């Protein structure tokens, strides 16, 4: 078992309510490992596309079988 730090940029469309944002972020993080801690570090608005980009930093627990070939910094 290892701990890994990742940075992730996620699209936040206008259809996704703020109340559903936590579940959306966790569902994206779980693809890379088990989230231990995470934070939204910035939000960038693209008004023409009606989406926002959420920057997330996270520490994940990586189990040996899942951790092979993971790039710790994702964009």
C-alpha atoms as a PDB file:
ATOM      1  CA  UNK A   1       0.000   0.000   0.000  1.00  0.00           C
ATOM      2  CA  UNK A   2       1.313   3.446  -0.980  1.00  0.00           C
ATOM      3  CA  UNK A   3       0.162   7.044  -0.724  1.00  0.00           C
ATOM      4  CA  UNK A   4       0.154   9.095  -3.925  1.00  0.00           C
ATOM      5  CA  UNK A   5      -0.463  12.800  -4.531  1.00  0.00           C
ATOM      6  CA  UNK A   6      -2.386  13.709  -7.686  1.00  0.00           C
ATOM      7  CA  UNK A   7      -3.682  16.866  -9.325  1.00  0.00           C
ATOM      8  CA  UNK A   8      -6.772  16.575 -11.458  1.00  0.00           C
ATOM      9  CA  UNK A   9      -8.724  19.025 -13.638  1.00  0.00           C
ATOM     10  CA  UNK A  10     -12.412  18.157 -13.916  1.00  0.00           C
ATOM     11  CA  UNK A  11     -15.160  19.670 -16.084  1.00  0.00           C
ATOM     12  CA  UNK A  12     -18.071  20.988 -14.042  1.00  0.00           C
ATOM     13  CA  UNK A  13     -21.005  21.427 -16.409  1.00  0.00           C
ATOM     14  CA  UNK A  14     -23.909  23.724 -15.607  1.00  0.00           C
ATOM     15  CA  UNK A  15     -26.205  20.676 -15.308  1.00  0.00           C
ATOM     16  CA  UNK A  16     -24.339  19.399 -12.231  1.00  0.00           C
ATOM     17  CA  UNK A  17     -25.706  20.980  -9.061  1.00  0.00           C
ATOM     18  CA  UNK A  18     -23.329  22.130  -6.344  1.00  0.00           C
ATOM     19  CA  UNK A  19     -24.952  19.598  -3.977  1.00  0.00           C
ATOM     20  CA  UNK A  20     -23.839  16.774  -6.301  1.00  0.00           C
ATOM     21  CA  UNK A  21     -20.295  18.071  -6.695  1.00  0.00           C
ATOM     22  CA  UNK A  22     -18.788  16.047  -3.833  1.00  0.00           C
ATOM     23  CA  UNK A  23     -20.079  12.748  -5.253  1.00  0.00           C
ATOM     24  CA  UNK A  24     -18.866  13.702  -8.733  1.00  0.00           C
ATOM     25  CA  UNK A  25     -15.340  14.467  -7.486  1.00  0.00           C
ATOM     26  CA  UNK A  26     -15.161  11.283  -5.413  1.00  0.00           C
ATOM     27  CA  UNK A  27     -16.362   9.187  -8.360  1.00  0.00           C
ATOM     28  CA  UNK A  28     -13.515  10.604 -10.471  1.00  0.00           C
ATOM     29  CA  UNK A  29     -10.866  10.155  -7.756  1.00  0.00           C
ATOM     30  CA  UNK A  30     -11.808   6.528  -7.076  1.00  0.00           C
ATOM     31  CA  UNK A  31     -10.652   5.705 -10.621  1.00  0.00           C
ATOM     32  CA  UNK A  32      -7.068   6.296  -9.441  1.00  0.00           C
ATOM     33  CA  UNK A  33      -7.166   4.988  -5.869  1.00  0.00           C
ATOM     34  CA  UNK A  34      -8.923   5.332  -2.534  1.00  0.00           C
ATOM     35  CA  UNK A  35      -9.234   9.037  -1.590  1.00  0.00           C
ATOM     36  CA  UNK A  36      -7.689   9.820   1.778  1.00  0.00           C
ATOM     37  CA  UNK A  37      -7.795  13.631   1.568  1.00  0.00           C
ATOM     38  CA  UNK A  38      -8.760  15.963  -1.226  1.00  0.00           C
ATOM     39  CA  UNK A  39      -9.428  19.642  -1.843  1.00  0.00           C
ATOM     40  CA  UNK A  40     -10.706  21.903  -4.585  1.00  0.00           C
ATOM     41  CA  UNK A  41      -7.828  24.297  -5.212  1.00  0.00           C
ATOM     42  CA  UNK A  42      -9.328  26.471  -7.951  1.00  0.00           C
ATOM     43  CA  UNK A  43     -12.327  26.960 -10.218  1.00  0.00           C
ATOM     44  CA  UNK A  44     -11.952  28.477 -13.693  1.00  0.00           C
ATOM     45  CA  UNK A  45     -14.993  29.647 -15.636  1.00  0.00           C
ATOM     46  CA  UNK A  46     -15.334  29.296 -19.406  1.00  0.00           C
ATOM     47  CA  UNK A  47     -18.466  31.336 -20.098  1.00  0.00           C
ATOM     48  CA  UNK A  48     -18.600  30.517 -23.819  1.00  0.00           C
ATOM     49  CA  UNK A  49     -18.760  26.781 -23.136  1.00  0.00           C
ATOM     50  CA  UNK A  50     -20.947  27.084 -20.001  1.00  0.00           C
ATOM     51  CA  UNK A  51     -18.577  24.874 -18.020  1.00  0.00           C
ATOM     52  CA  UNK A  52     -16.164  25.422 -15.202  1.00  0.00           C
ATOM     53  CA  UNK A  53     -12.880  23.631 -14.659  1.00  0.00           C
ATOM     54  CA  UNK A  54     -12.320  22.425 -11.105  1.00  0.00           C
ATOM     55  CA  UNK A  55      -8.736  21.787 -10.020  1.00  0.00           C
ATOM     56  CA  UNK A  56      -8.535  19.093  -7.351  1.00  0.00           C
ATOM     57  CA  UNK A  57      -5.525  17.968  -5.329  1.00  0.00           C
ATOM     58  CA  UNK A  58      -5.758  14.637  -3.552  1.00  0.00           C
ATOM     59  CA  UNK A  59      -3.825  12.087  -1.559  1.00  0.00           C
ATOM     60  CA  UNK A  60      -4.862   8.579  -2.524  1.00  0.00           C
ATOM     61  CA  UNK A  61      -4.231   5.191  -0.992  1.00  0.00           C
ATOM     62  CA  UNK A  62      -2.892   3.001  -3.775  1.00  0.00           C
ATOM     63  CA  UNK A  63      -3.017  -0.741  -3.295  1.00  0.00           C
ATOM     64  CA  UNK A  64      -0.257  -2.731  -4.989  1.00  0.00           C
ATOM     65  CA  UNK A  65      -2.494  -4.294  -7.642  1.00  0.00           C
ATOM     66  CA  UNK A  66      -4.080  -0.928  -8.593  1.00  0.00           C
ATOM     67  CA  UNK A  67      -0.919   1.158  -8.409  1.00  0.00           C
ATOM     68  CA  UNK A  68       1.027  -0.208 -11.357  1.00  0.00           C
ATOM     69  CA  UNK A  69       1.530   2.358 -14.075  1.00  0.00           C
ATOM     70  CA  UNK A  70      -0.226   5.264 -12.381  1.00  0.00           C
ATOM     71  CA  UNK A  71       1.117   8.712 -13.206  1.00  0.00           C
ATOM     72  CA  UNK A  72       0.999  10.662  -9.906  1.00  0.00           C
ATOM     73  CA  UNK A  73       0.382  14.065 -11.555  1.00  0.00           C
ATOM     74  CA  UNK A  74      -2.621  14.148 -13.893  1.00  0.00           C
ATOM     75  CA  UNK A  75      -3.936  17.079 -15.897  1.00  0.00           C
END
